[in-house]
């Protein structure tokens, strides 16, 4: 029933997930080095925090929270069979948890507290990897079953508007992604 996504909106969000996962991979590698005694690369961690807040959260999560989840929930209300397994509430809880871990990273970075920085970085990394798996393999395929073509086109149009409004910000963050090894 569920599996890899096929609709354009899901493809867009999954592509953004790939960028987020590249940053998370670099964050994990840097956290390993810090844990082994390397000095904190403050510039790197500040770029990661900026990326998470502005690309992952304000750009990507905004599309999910303000557009896709709302439309999915409207359709789910009309189709009670969808309500028993609506995962959007859990996804919102996980978005908020991720924000708390990012705040923790920033706070520990400002204090130069390696242990707390690594702890929050690892918690964020673990959470977001599981979260992305659930969205790509469960939530997005569910939305594709519930949302009709007309609604898909409307959502896609709104995604394109968000992308246009955030073009410079998005490009800045994609440049950061491309800079990672």
Foldseek 3Di string as FASTA:
>chain_A
DWFADDAPVLVVLLVLLVLLLLLLVVLLVLLVVVVVPDQDPLVSLVLSLLCCVVRVPVQNVCLVPVALLVVLVVLCVVPVVCVVPNCPVVLVVLNVVLVVLSVQLVVCSVVSPSVSNSVSSVVNSVSSVVSSCCCRTPVNRSSVVRDDPVSSVVSVVVSVVSCVVCVVVVVVSVVVSVPRD
